[in-house]
Protein backbone atom coordinates (compact mmCIF):
# COMPACT_ATOMS: atom_id res chain seq x y z
CA UNK A 1 0.00 0.00 0.00
CA UNK A 2 1.42 3.37 -1.02
CA UNK A 3 1.04 5.90 1.77
CA UNK A 4 1.88 9.52 1.03
CA UNK A 5 3.19 11.53 3.97
CA UNK A 6 2.10 15.16 3.81
CA UNK A 7 4.30 17.39 5.97
CA UNK A 8 2.67 20.76 6.67
CA UNK A 9 5.17 23.48 7.50
CA UNK A 10 5.60 27.23 7.61
CA UNK A 11 8.84 28.81 6.42
CA UNK A 12 11.19 29.06 9.43
CA UNK A 13 11.38 32.84 9.28
CA UNK A 14 12.33 34.77 12.41
CA UNK A 15 9.37 36.51 14.00
CA UNK A 16 6.77 34.52 12.03
CA UNK A 17 7.08 30.98 13.39
CA UNK A 18 6.96 29.55 16.89
CA UNK A 19 5.81 32.95 18.11
CA UNK A 20 4.73 31.60 21.51
CA UNK A 21 8.35 30.51 22.09
CA UNK A 22 9.85 33.89 21.22
CA UNK A 23 9.72 35.18 24.84
CA UNK A 24 11.95 32.24 25.84
CA UNK A 25 14.11 31.61 22.76
CA UNK A 26 14.03 34.95 20.97
CA UNK A 27 12.78 35.37 17.41
CA UNK A 28 15.84 33.83 15.78
CA UNK A 29 16.07 31.01 18.30
CA UNK A 30 12.44 30.12 17.70
CA UNK A 31 13.03 30.14 13.94
CA UNK A 32 16.13 27.97 14.32
CA UNK A 33 14.12 25.47 16.34
CA UNK A 34 11.38 25.48 13.68
CA UNK A 35 13.98 24.73 10.99
CA UNK A 36 15.45 21.88 13.02
CA UNK A 37 11.98 20.42 13.62
CA UNK A 38 11.22 20.67 9.90
CA UNK A 39 14.42 18.82 8.98
CA UNK A 40 13.63 16.14 11.57
CA UNK A 41 10.06 15.62 10.33
CA UNK A 42 11.14 15.35 6.69
CA UNK A 43 14.06 13.02 7.48
CA UNK A 44 11.85 10.68 9.54
CA UNK A 45 9.14 10.67 6.86
CA UNK A 46 11.71 9.71 4.23
CA UNK A 47 13.22 7.06 6.51
CA UNK A 48 9.79 5.45 7.00
CA UNK A 49 9.76 4.52 3.28
CA UNK A 50 5.98 4.43 3.05
CA UNK A 51 5.60 6.24 -0.25
CA UNK A 52 6.06 9.80 -1.49
CA UNK A 53 6.92 12.48 1.06
CA UNK A 54 5.39 15.85 0.22
CA UNK A 55 6.25 19.15 1.89
CA UNK A 56 3.14 21.33 1.89
CA UNK A 57 4.68 24.76 2.35
CA UNK A 58 3.42 28.14 3.50
CA UNK A 59 4.25 30.39 1.77
CA UNK A 60 5.20 28.68 -1.49
CA UNK A 61 8.75 27.32 -1.54
CA UNK A 62 9.88 29.89 -4.10
CA UNK A 63 9.16 32.66 -1.57
CA UNK A 64 12.18 34.43 -0.09
CA UNK A 65 11.10 33.27 3.38
CA UNK A 66 12.42 29.80 2.53
CA UNK A 67 15.88 31.03 1.52
CA UNK A 68 18.54 29.08 3.40
CA UNK A 69 16.25 26.15 4.23
CA UNK A 70 17.36 23.05 2.34
CA UNK A 71 14.74 20.53 1.23
CA UNK A 72 15.94 17.07 0.08
CA UNK A 73 15.49 16.47 -3.64
CA UNK A 74 13.48 13.32 -2.89
CA UNK A 75 10.71 15.42 -1.34
CA UNK A 76 7.72 16.47 -3.45
CA UNK A 77 6.96 20.18 -3.01
CA UNK A 78 3.56 21.86 -2.97
CA UNK A 79 1.95 25.11 -1.87
CA UNK A 80 -0.61 24.99 0.95
CA UNK A 81 -2.58 27.74 -0.75
CA UNK A 82 -5.30 29.89 0.76
CA UNK A 83 -7.86 29.23 3.47
CA UNK A 84 -7.79 28.06 7.07
CA UNK A 85 -5.82 25.00 8.13
CA UNK A 86 -8.76 22.69 7.50
CA UNK A 87 -9.24 23.92 3.94
CA UNK A 88 -5.54 23.56 3.21
CA UNK A 89 -5.31 20.05 4.67
CA UNK A 90 -8.51 18.97 2.92
CA UNK A 91 -7.19 20.02 -0.48
CA UNK A 92 -3.90 18.21 0.05
CA UNK A 93 -5.51 15.04 1.40
CA UNK A 94 -8.10 14.85 -1.38
CA UNK A 95 -5.41 15.37 -4.02
CA UNK A 96 -3.11 12.75 -2.49
CA UNK A 97 -5.85 10.12 -2.28
CA UNK A 98 -6.41 10.43 -6.01
CA UNK A 99 -2.98 8.88 -6.62
CA UNK A 100 -2.04 7.04 -3.40
CA UNK A 101 -3.79 4.38 -1.34
CA UNK A 102 -3.48 6.28 1.92
CA UNK A 103 -2.24 9.56 3.36
CA UNK A 104 -0.67 10.63 6.64
CA UNK A 105 -0.99 14.32 7.48
CA UNK A 106 1.58 15.59 9.97
CA UNK A 107 3.13 18.85 11.07
CA UNK A 108 6.66 19.40 12.24
CA UNK A 109 6.08 20.00 15.97
CA UNK A 110 6.09 16.44 17.30
CA UNK A 111 9.50 14.82 17.67
CA UNK A 112 7.86 11.53 18.67
CA UNK A 113 6.63 11.04 15.10
CA UNK A 114 9.73 9.15 14.08
CA UNK A 115 10.01 6.60 11.27
CA UNK A 116 8.87 3.57 13.36
CA UNK A 117 5.80 5.43 14.62
CA UNK A 118 4.93 6.57 11.09
CA UNK A 119 5.23 2.99 9.86
CA UNK A 120 2.99 1.83 12.71
CA UNK A 121 0.40 4.46 11.76
CA UNK A 122 0.45 3.22 8.18
CA UNK A 123 -0.08 -0.34 9.39
CA UNK A 124 -3.10 0.79 11.40
CA UNK A 125 -4.44 2.51 8.31
CA UNK A 126 -4.33 -0.80 6.44
CA UNK A 127 -6.38 -2.39 9.23
CA UNK A 128 -8.84 0.36 10.13
CA UNK A 129 -8.92 2.87 7.28
CA UNK A 130 -8.25 5.87 9.53
CA UNK A 131 -5.89 6.67 12.39
CA UNK A 132 -5.29 9.60 14.72
CA UNK A 133 -2.54 10.53 17.18
CA UNK A 134 -3.95 13.10 19.62
CA UNK A 135 -1.78 15.75 21.22
CA UNK A 136 -1.70 16.53 24.92
CA UNK A 137 -3.01 20.04 24.18
CA UNK A 138 -6.25 18.70 22.69
CA UNK A 139 -5.24 18.85 19.05
CA UNK A 140 -3.69 16.08 17.02
CA UNK A 141 -0.24 15.50 15.58
CA UNK A 142 -1.16 12.92 12.93
CA UNK A 143 -4.25 12.11 10.90
CA UNK A 144 -4.24 9.13 8.55
CA UNK A 145 -6.89 8.40 5.92
CA UNK A 146 -7.59 5.92 3.15
CA UNK A 147 -10.62 7.88 1.88
CA UNK A 148 -11.74 11.47 1.95
CA UNK A 149 -14.63 13.25 3.60
CA UNK A 150 -14.66 17.04 3.81
CA UNK A 151 -16.51 17.05 7.14
CA UNK A 152 -13.29 15.91 8.83
CA UNK A 153 -11.82 19.32 8.05
CA UNK A 154 -14.68 21.83 7.80
CA UNK A 155 -15.86 24.04 10.63
CA UNK A 156 -13.27 22.97 13.19
CA UNK A 157 -11.86 25.48 15.71
CA UNK A 158 -8.21 24.93 14.82
CA UNK A 159 -5.49 25.61 17.41
CA UNK A 160 -7.88 24.97 20.29
CA UNK A 161 -8.20 22.17 22.85
CA UNK A 162 -11.29 20.76 21.08
CA UNK A 163 -9.74 19.75 17.75
CA UNK A 164 -9.16 16.05 18.49
CA UNK A 165 -12.54 15.63 20.23
CA UNK A 166 -14.37 17.30 17.35
CA UNK A 167 -12.54 15.13 14.84
CA UNK A 168 -13.45 11.96 16.76
CA UNK A 169 -17.09 13.05 16.74
CA UNK A 170 -16.94 13.65 12.97
CA UNK A 171 -15.65 10.11 12.42
CA UNK A 172 -18.51 8.77 14.53
CA UNK A 173 -21.04 10.82 12.54
CA UNK A 174 -19.87 9.52 9.17
CA UNK A 175 -19.55 6.00 10.57
CA UNK A 176 -15.90 5.36 9.76
CA UNK A 177 -13.78 3.12 12.01
CA UNK A 178 -10.96 5.06 13.65
CA UNK A 179 -7.81 3.73 15.28
CA UNK A 180 -6.49 6.09 17.93
CA UNK A 181 -2.82 5.96 18.79
CA UNK A 182 -1.12 7.21 21.91
CA UNK A 183 -1.34 10.86 22.91
CA UNK A 184 1.89 12.69 22.08
CA UNK A 185 3.53 16.01 22.90
CA UNK A 186 4.12 18.76 20.40
CA UNK A 187 6.27 21.88 20.81
CA UNK A 188 4.21 25.06 20.92
CA UNK A 189 4.51 26.62 24.38
CA UNK A 190 7.57 27.32 26.56
CA UNK A 191 6.57 24.47 28.90
CA UNK A 192 6.79 22.07 25.94
CA UNK A 193 10.55 22.64 25.68
CA UNK A 194 10.89 20.19 28.55
CA UNK A 195 10.13 17.46 26.01
CA UNK A 196 13.11 18.27 23.79
CA UNK A 197 15.62 15.40 23.90
CA UNK A 198 18.87 16.26 25.63
CA UNK A 199 20.81 15.81 22.41
CA UNK A 200 18.40 17.63 20.09
CA UNK A 201 19.97 21.06 20.43
CA UNK A 202 22.52 22.25 22.99
CA UNK A 203 21.32 25.85 22.59
CA UNK A 204 17.72 25.01 23.35
CA UNK A 205 18.74 22.70 26.19
CA UNK A 206 20.63 25.56 27.87
CA UNK A 207 17.71 27.93 27.34
CA UNK A 208 15.30 25.43 28.82
CA UNK A 209 17.42 24.97 31.95
CA UNK A 210 17.66 28.71 32.49
CA UNK A 211 13.87 29.20 32.54
């Protein structure tokens, strides 16, 4: 089964990414962390060897904001386009499912989404048809689908603590089986820096200890 991994990411531009971490890391430090997280997410997606890996970028990758951020040549590139997060994910998922058997939608904020966990999610997709990894903040860090329904993306209060619960309810409404994986941490708030591995970045480790 060919499973396309869609990696949603903003350009790691100082002052425009990881803004909730700027008071702790500074604008450039937050951008540097965003770039490191992006590289990690792409590398793990490629290492999983599930199918094509596609970077869904905002803004488009030819924008100056992406200057200095290397993207492996093996990665398919696309533009997220306009609309809220749900509209952008829906377009990408629907497009991917026209050519691939399944799709995993991920961001770049969850270090726990390594290659083995991505492979496990793909295996659950083969068994159940849909899979979800919730986040501790009430959102989710991974959504996997083998078919498309727009109601999974429309009218959801993104970036709130209700996202995962609303998505579960949508699956129940449309009557699709859903496998739910373990709840994982992402990196959005200063408190989340405690979940950075000790060897991930010496600079961020020192900053974390000083807070």
